[in-house]
């Protein structure tokens, strides 16, 4: 578990990365000495409009291929400027959005004899999910299911849609499903205090 100070540093680093891009017109990586923030962990950076919390961008690295401080900066840049679902963030929007950082545990492959068992192995609010089938893959963070008030079946259906699959592909023998948990840090308001939302989301 990260401390609130460490989580606050990551959220502020995410915002600072985007601000620096507007100032210098290029992505620059800032190094961090904190030992924990140098661990290789999966992470997602979410940008939301304030105060309605509608999505403005969300990009991340689920499998911990980068150091945490590095992954947060690259994910923040990508969320702001490379999420193909949205137009690139404008400088005047910075005071109208909040930054949220989700630090992931290592994804755990869910083993079942019958895919119907997935319904018993996933907990809404705790588990995020990754699905893969051939060239198709998708990921949904735990807080997404809470936001839309989905049950497990709806969570799995929407995970399939995210991956470009039909819901029945969850029963395909070539489908693999992983679950993970997150520790979530978010600004209360644009450039405001940072909260650890992990317990609030369960």
C-alpha atoms as a PDB file:
ATOM      1  CA  UNK A   1       0.000   0.000   0.000  1.00  0.00           C
ATOM      2  CA  UNK A   2       1.168   3.507  -0.791  1.00  0.00           C
ATOM      3  CA  UNK A   3       0.941   6.248   1.801  1.00  0.00           C
ATOM      4  CA  UNK A   4      -1.293   9.251   1.203  1.00  0.00           C
ATOM      5  CA  UNK A   5       1.847  11.362   0.742  1.00  0.00           C
ATOM      6  CA  UNK A   6       3.105   9.006  -1.972  1.00  0.00           C
ATOM      7  CA  UNK A   7      -0.282   8.985  -3.671  1.00  0.00           C
ATOM      8  CA  UNK A   8      -0.435  12.763  -3.470  1.00  0.00           C
ATOM      9  CA  UNK A   9       2.987  12.969  -5.109  1.00  0.00           C
ATOM     10  CA  UNK A  10       1.798  10.777  -7.977  1.00  0.00           C
ATOM     11  CA  UNK A  11      -1.352  12.822  -8.595  1.00  0.00           C
ATOM     12  CA  UNK A  12       0.578  16.081  -8.492  1.00  0.00           C
ATOM     13  CA  UNK A  13       3.164  14.555 -10.835  1.00  0.00           C
ATOM     14  CA  UNK A  14       0.385  13.648 -13.292  1.00  0.00           C
ATOM     15  CA  UNK A  15      -0.959  17.211 -13.343  1.00  0.00           C
ATOM     16  CA  UNK A  16       2.549  18.689 -13.518  1.00  0.00           C
ATOM     17  CA  UNK A  17       3.370  16.517 -16.546  1.00  0.00           C
ATOM     18  CA  UNK A  18       0.446  17.966 -18.508  1.00  0.00           C
ATOM     19  CA  UNK A  19       1.188  21.523 -17.377  1.00  0.00           C
ATOM     20  CA  UNK A  20       4.843  21.158 -18.433  1.00  0.00           C
ATOM     21  CA  UNK A  21       3.744  19.990 -21.868  1.00  0.00           C
ATOM     22  CA  UNK A  22       1.721  23.176 -22.337  1.00  0.00           C
ATOM     23  CA  UNK A  23       4.727  25.239 -21.252  1.00  0.00           C
ATOM     24  CA  UNK A  24       7.420  23.438 -23.285  1.00  0.00           C
ATOM     25  CA  UNK A  25       5.353  21.786 -26.033  1.00  0.00           C
ATOM     26  CA  UNK A  26       7.115  18.466 -25.455  1.00  0.00           C
ATOM     27  CA  UNK A  27       6.895  15.565 -23.024  1.00  0.00           C
ATOM     28  CA  UNK A  28       9.622  15.661 -20.371  1.00  0.00           C
ATOM     29  CA  UNK A  29      10.198  12.957 -17.766  1.00  0.00           C
ATOM     30  CA  UNK A  30      10.926  13.965 -14.173  1.00  0.00           C
ATOM     31  CA  UNK A  31      12.824  11.479 -11.991  1.00  0.00           C
ATOM     32  CA  UNK A  32      11.679  10.655  -8.458  1.00  0.00           C
ATOM     33  CA  UNK A  33      13.932   9.268  -5.710  1.00  0.00           C
ATOM     34  CA  UNK A  34      11.250   7.603  -3.555  1.00  0.00           C
ATOM     35  CA  UNK A  35      12.041   3.855  -3.486  1.00  0.00           C
ATOM     36  CA  UNK A  36       8.384   2.791  -3.589  1.00  0.00           C
ATOM     37  CA  UNK A  37       7.651   5.047  -6.556  1.00  0.00           C
ATOM     38  CA  UNK A  38      10.547   3.392  -8.396  1.00  0.00           C
ATOM     39  CA  UNK A  39       8.874  -0.023  -8.183  1.00  0.00           C
ATOM     40  CA  UNK A  40       7.466  -1.462 -11.386  1.00  0.00           C
ATOM     41  CA  UNK A  41       3.694  -1.353 -10.927  1.00  0.00           C
ATOM     42  CA  UNK A  42       0.684  -1.163 -13.158  1.00  0.00           C
ATOM     43  CA  UNK A  43      -1.016   2.222 -13.124  1.00  0.00           C
ATOM     44  CA  UNK A  44      -3.771   4.195 -14.850  1.00  0.00           C
ATOM     45  CA  UNK A  45      -4.271   7.944 -14.945  1.00  0.00           C
ATOM     46  CA  UNK A  46      -7.845   9.145 -15.321  1.00  0.00           C
ATOM     47  CA  UNK A  47      -8.804  12.745 -16.143  1.00  0.00           C
ATOM     48  CA  UNK A  48     -12.373  13.757 -15.308  1.00  0.00           C
ATOM     49  CA  UNK A  49     -14.379  16.904 -15.900  1.00  0.00           C
ATOM     50  CA  UNK A  50     -15.261  18.769 -12.704  1.00  0.00           C
ATOM     51  CA  UNK A  51     -17.730  18.788 -11.038  1.00  0.00           C
ATOM     52  CA  UNK A  52     -19.782  16.198 -12.978  1.00  0.00           C
ATOM     53  CA  UNK A  53     -16.954  13.597 -13.006  1.00  0.00           C
ATOM     54  CA  UNK A  54     -17.542  12.747 -16.667  1.00  0.00           C
ATOM     55  CA  UNK A  55     -14.583  11.036 -18.315  1.00  0.00           C
ATOM     56  CA  UNK A  56     -12.066  13.230 -20.182  1.00  0.00           C
ATOM     57  CA  UNK A  57      -9.286  10.675 -20.699  1.00  0.00           C
ATOM     58  CA  UNK A  58      -7.930   7.419 -19.256  1.00  0.00           C
ATOM     59  CA  UNK A  59      -4.750   5.589 -20.266  1.00  0.00           C
ATOM     60  CA  UNK A  60      -2.440   3.270 -18.354  1.00  0.00           C
ATOM     61  CA  UNK A  61      -0.051   0.357 -18.180  1.00  0.00           C
ATOM     62  CA  UNK A  62      -1.602  -2.694 -16.469  1.00  0.00           C
ATOM     63  CA  UNK A  63       1.343  -5.066 -16.247  1.00  0.00           C
ATOM     64  CA  UNK A  64       3.996  -3.039 -14.432  1.00  0.00           C
ATOM     65  CA  UNK A  65       6.466  -2.731 -17.287  1.00  0.00           C
ATOM     66  CA  UNK A  66       7.552   0.743 -16.133  1.00  0.00           C
ATOM     67  CA  UNK A  67       8.662   2.349 -12.880  1.00  0.00           C
ATOM     68  CA  UNK A  68       5.671   3.835 -11.123  1.00  0.00           C
ATOM     69  CA  UNK A  69       6.769   7.469 -11.354  1.00  0.00           C
ATOM     70  CA  UNK A  70       7.601   7.016 -15.045  1.00  0.00           C
ATOM     71  CA  UNK A  71       4.341   5.200 -15.841  1.00  0.00           C
ATOM     72  CA  UNK A  72       2.271   7.930 -14.165  1.00  0.00           C
ATOM     73  CA  UNK A  73       3.895  10.659 -16.228  1.00  0.00           C
ATOM     74  CA  UNK A  74       3.549   8.782 -19.513  1.00  0.00           C
ATOM     75  CA  UNK A  75      -0.034   7.791 -18.723  1.00  0.00           C
ATOM     76  CA  UNK A  76      -0.920  11.373 -17.757  1.00  0.00           C
ATOM     77  CA  UNK A  77       0.458  12.671 -21.050  1.00  0.00           C
ATOM     78  CA  UNK A  78      -1.382   9.993 -23.027  1.00  0.00           C
ATOM     79  CA  UNK A  79      -4.651  10.528 -21.138  1.00  0.00           C
ATOM     80  CA  UNK A  80      -4.535  14.239 -21.864  1.00  0.00           C
ATOM     81  CA  UNK A  81      -3.430  14.134 -25.492  1.00  0.00           C
ATOM     82  CA  UNK A  82      -3.642  10.620 -26.980  1.00  0.00           C
ATOM     83  CA  UNK A  83      -6.905   9.056 -25.802  1.00  0.00           C
ATOM     84  CA  UNK A  84      -8.613   8.577 -29.170  1.00  0.00           C
ATOM     85  CA  UNK A  85     -12.072   8.856 -27.601  1.00  0.00           C
ATOM     86  CA  UNK A  86     -11.541  12.569 -26.940  1.00  0.00           C
ATOM     87  CA  UNK A  87     -10.018  15.685 -28.450  1.00  0.00           C
ATOM     88  CA  UNK A  88      -6.602  16.583 -26.931  1.00  0.00           C
ATOM     89  CA  UNK A  89      -6.898  18.522 -23.677  1.00  0.00           C
ATOM     90  CA  UNK A  90      -6.629  22.306 -23.981  1.00  0.00           C
ATOM     91  CA  UNK A  91      -4.680  24.465 -21.533  1.00  0.00           C
ATOM     92  CA  UNK A  92      -7.796  26.341 -20.452  1.00  0.00           C
ATOM     93  CA  UNK A  93      -9.332  23.025 -19.360  1.00  0.00           C
ATOM     94  CA  UNK A  94      -6.661  22.371 -16.725  1.00  0.00           C
ATOM     95  CA  UNK A  95      -8.598  24.304 -14.090  1.00  0.00           C
ATOM     96  CA  UNK A  96     -11.771  22.388 -14.967  1.00  0.00           C
ATOM     97  CA  UNK A  97     -10.532  18.793 -14.619  1.00  0.00           C
ATOM     98  CA  UNK A  98      -9.364  16.513 -11.816  1.00  0.00           C
ATOM     99  CA  UNK A  99      -6.591  13.933 -11.998  1.00  0.00           C
ATOM    100  CA  UNK A 100      -6.979  10.445 -10.557  1.00  0.00           C
ATOM    101  CA  UNK A 101      -4.218   7.816 -10.259  1.00  0.00           C
ATOM    102  CA  UNK A 102      -5.048   4.118  -9.853  1.00  0.00           C
ATOM    103  CA  UNK A 103      -2.122   1.925  -8.762  1.00  0.00           C
ATOM    104  CA  UNK A 104      -2.712  -1.727  -9.664  1.00  0.00           C
ATOM    105  CA  UNK A 105      -1.806  -4.986  -7.986  1.00  0.00           C
ATOM    106  CA  UNK A 106      -0.356  -7.626 -10.293  1.00  0.00           C
ATOM    107  CA  UNK A 107      -3.138  -9.124 -12.467  1.00  0.00           C
ATOM    108  CA  UNK A 108      -4.148 -12.630 -11.340  1.00  0.00           C
ATOM    109  CA  UNK A 109      -5.430 -15.140 -13.891  1.00  0.00           C
ATOM    110  CA  UNK A 110      -8.848 -16.455 -12.847  1.00  0.00           C
ATOM    111  CA  UNK A 111      -8.961 -20.260 -13.178  1.00  0.00           C
ATOM    112  CA  UNK A 112     -12.388 -21.870 -13.676  1.00  0.00           C
ATOM    113  CA  UNK A 113     -13.632 -25.242 -14.887  1.00  0.00           C
ATOM    114  CA  UNK A 114     -16.821 -23.620 -16.148  1.00  0.00           C
ATOM    115  CA  UNK A 115     -16.966 -19.941 -17.240  1.00  0.00           C
ATOM    116  CA  UNK A 116     -20.195 -19.586 -15.227  1.00  0.00           C
ATOM    117  CA  UNK A 117     -17.938 -19.732 -12.150  1.00  0.00           C
ATOM    118  CA  UNK A 118     -16.637 -16.248 -13.016  1.00  0.00           C
ATOM    119  CA  UNK A 119     -19.779 -14.814 -11.421  1.00  0.00           C
ATOM    120  CA  UNK A 120     -18.650 -16.184  -8.043  1.00  0.00           C
ATOM    121  CA  UNK A 121     -15.003 -15.142  -8.335  1.00  0.00           C
ATOM    122  CA  UNK A 122     -15.398 -11.407  -8.993  1.00  0.00           C
ATOM    123  CA  UNK A 123     -16.309  -8.799  -6.375  1.00  0.00           C
ATOM    124  CA  UNK A 124     -17.796  -5.510  -7.536  1.00  0.00           C
ATOM    125  CA  UNK A 125     -15.899  -2.513  -6.149  1.00  0.00           C
ATOM    126  CA  UNK A 126     -12.809  -4.550  -5.355  1.00  0.00           C
ATOM    127  CA  UNK A 127     -11.809  -6.235  -8.609  1.00  0.00           C
ATOM    128  CA  UNK A 128     -10.820  -4.737 -11.922  1.00  0.00           C
ATOM    129  CA  UNK A 129     -10.788  -7.037 -14.946  1.00  0.00           C
ATOM    130  CA  UNK A 130      -8.670  -7.742 -18.014  1.00  0.00           C
ATOM    131  CA  UNK A 131      -9.895  -9.965 -20.841  1.00  0.00           C
ATOM    132  CA  UNK A 132      -7.998 -11.355 -23.823  1.00  0.00           C
ATOM    133  CA  UNK A 133      -8.997 -13.539 -26.743  1.00  0.00           C
ATOM    134  CA  UNK A 134      -6.582 -13.735 -29.646  1.00  0.00           C
ATOM    135  CA  UNK A 135      -5.899 -10.198 -30.869  1.00  0.00           C
ATOM    136  CA  UNK A 136      -8.721  -8.763 -28.757  1.00  0.00           C
ATOM    137  CA  UNK A 137      -8.209  -7.429 -25.249  1.00  0.00           C
ATOM    138  CA  UNK A 138      -9.775  -4.956 -22.854  1.00  0.00           C
ATOM    139  CA  UNK A 139      -9.543  -3.641 -19.301  1.00  0.00           C
ATOM    140  CA  UNK A 140     -11.980  -2.027 -16.886  1.00  0.00           C
ATOM    141  CA  UNK A 141     -10.977  -0.517 -13.539  1.00  0.00           C
ATOM    142  CA  UNK A 142     -12.952  -1.476 -10.391  1.00  0.00           C
ATOM    143  CA  UNK A 143     -14.460   1.999 -10.049  1.00  0.00           C
ATOM    144  CA  UNK A 144     -16.130   1.735 -13.465  1.00  0.00           C
ATOM    145  CA  UNK A 145     -18.520  -0.975 -12.253  1.00  0.00           C
ATOM    146  CA  UNK A 146     -19.396   1.148  -9.223  1.00  0.00           C
ATOM    147  CA  UNK A 147     -19.983   4.276 -11.292  1.00  0.00           C
ATOM    148  CA  UNK A 148     -22.537   2.529 -13.496  1.00  0.00           C
ATOM    149  CA  UNK A 149     -23.950   0.327 -10.719  1.00  0.00           C
ATOM    150  CA  UNK A 150     -23.244  -2.874 -12.667  1.00  0.00           C
ATOM    151  CA  UNK A 151     -23.566  -6.366 -11.274  1.00  0.00           C
ATOM    152  CA  UNK A 152     -20.918  -8.961 -12.173  1.00  0.00           C
ATOM    153  CA  UNK A 153     -22.746 -10.103 -15.325  1.00  0.00           C
ATOM    154  CA  UNK A 154     -23.033  -6.521 -16.576  1.00  0.00           C
ATOM    155  CA  UNK A 155     -19.376  -5.923 -15.704  1.00  0.00           C
ATOM    156  CA  UNK A 156     -18.332  -8.932 -17.796  1.00  0.00           C
ATOM    157  CA  UNK A 157     -20.616  -7.956 -20.694  1.00  0.00           C
ATOM    158  CA  UNK A 158     -19.167  -4.443 -20.808  1.00  0.00           C
ATOM    159  CA  UNK A 159     -15.631  -5.792 -20.504  1.00  0.00           C
ATOM    160  CA  UNK A 160     -16.288  -7.850 -23.633  1.00  0.00           C
ATOM    161  CA  UNK A 161     -17.660  -4.782 -25.434  1.00  0.00           C
ATOM    162  CA  UNK A 162     -14.548  -2.815 -24.417  1.00  0.00           C
ATOM    163  CA  UNK A 163     -12.396  -5.539 -26.005  1.00  0.00           C
ATOM    164  CA  UNK A 164     -14.462  -5.605 -29.190  1.00  0.00           C
ATOM    165  CA  UNK A 165     -15.987  -8.979 -28.310  1.00  0.00           C
ATOM    166  CA  UNK A 166     -19.589 -10.108 -27.989  1.00  0.00           C
ATOM    167  CA  UNK A 167     -20.623 -11.112 -24.430  1.00  0.00           C
ATOM    168  CA  UNK A 168     -20.902 -14.792 -25.332  1.00  0.00           C
ATOM    169  CA  UNK A 169     -17.137 -14.905 -25.942  1.00  0.00           C
ATOM    170  CA  UNK A 170     -16.678 -15.073 -22.174  1.00  0.00           C
ATOM    171  CA  UNK A 171     -17.545 -18.766 -22.622  1.00  0.00           C
ATOM    172  CA  UNK A 172     -14.924 -19.284 -25.349  1.00  0.00           C
ATOM    173  CA  UNK A 173     -12.126 -21.662 -24.313  1.00  0.00           C
ATOM    174  CA  UNK A 174      -9.598 -19.225 -25.823  1.00  0.00           C
ATOM    175  CA  UNK A 175     -10.721 -16.411 -23.539  1.00  0.00           C
ATOM    176  CA  UNK A 176      -8.544 -15.545 -20.546  1.00  0.00           C
ATOM    177  CA  UNK A 177      -9.686 -13.367 -17.660  1.00  0.00           C
ATOM    178  CA  UNK A 178      -7.536 -11.661 -15.026  1.00  0.00           C
ATOM    179  CA  UNK A 179      -8.532  -9.671 -11.956  1.00  0.00           C
ATOM    180  CA  UNK A 180      -6.606  -7.038 -10.046  1.00  0.00           C
ATOM    181  CA  UNK A 181      -7.185  -4.508  -7.276  1.00  0.00           C
ATOM    182  CA  UNK A 182      -6.347  -0.814  -7.143  1.00  0.00           C
ATOM    183  CA  UNK A 183      -5.364   1.897  -4.719  1.00  0.00           C
ATOM    184  CA  UNK A 184      -6.984   5.091  -5.989  1.00  0.00           C
ATOM    185  CA  UNK A 185      -5.816   8.645  -5.332  1.00  0.00           C
ATOM    186  CA  UNK A 186      -7.781  11.623  -6.653  1.00  0.00           C
ATOM    187  CA  UNK A 187      -7.954  15.381  -6.404  1.00  0.00           C
ATOM    188  CA  UNK A 188     -11.021  16.652  -4.526  1.00  0.00           C
ATOM    189  CA  UNK A 189     -11.273  19.496  -7.026  1.00  0.00           C
ATOM    190  CA  UNK A 190      -8.988  20.847  -9.783  1.00  0.00           C
ATOM    191  CA  UNK A 191      -5.497  21.222  -8.308  1.00  0.00           C
ATOM    192  CA  UNK A 192      -6.963  20.612  -4.840  1.00  0.00           C
ATOM    193  CA  UNK A 193      -6.205  18.246  -1.971  1.00  0.00           C
ATOM    194  CA  UNK A 194      -5.656  14.580  -2.823  1.00  0.00           C
ATOM    195  CA  UNK A 195      -7.760  11.830  -1.238  1.00  0.00           C
ATOM    196  CA  UNK A 196      -7.178   8.087  -1.005  1.00  0.00           C
ATOM    197  CA  UNK A 197     -10.456   6.814  -2.478  1.00  0.00           C
ATOM    198  CA  UNK A 198      -9.641   3.130  -2.069  1.00  0.00           C
ATOM    199  CA  UNK A 199     -11.835   2.487   0.958  1.00  0.00           C
ATOM    200  CA  UNK A 200     -14.564   4.807  -0.321  1.00  0.00           C
ATOM    201  CA  UNK A 201     -14.916   2.704  -3.488  1.00  0.00           C
ATOM    202  CA  UNK A 202     -15.607  -0.592  -1.723  1.00  0.00           C
END
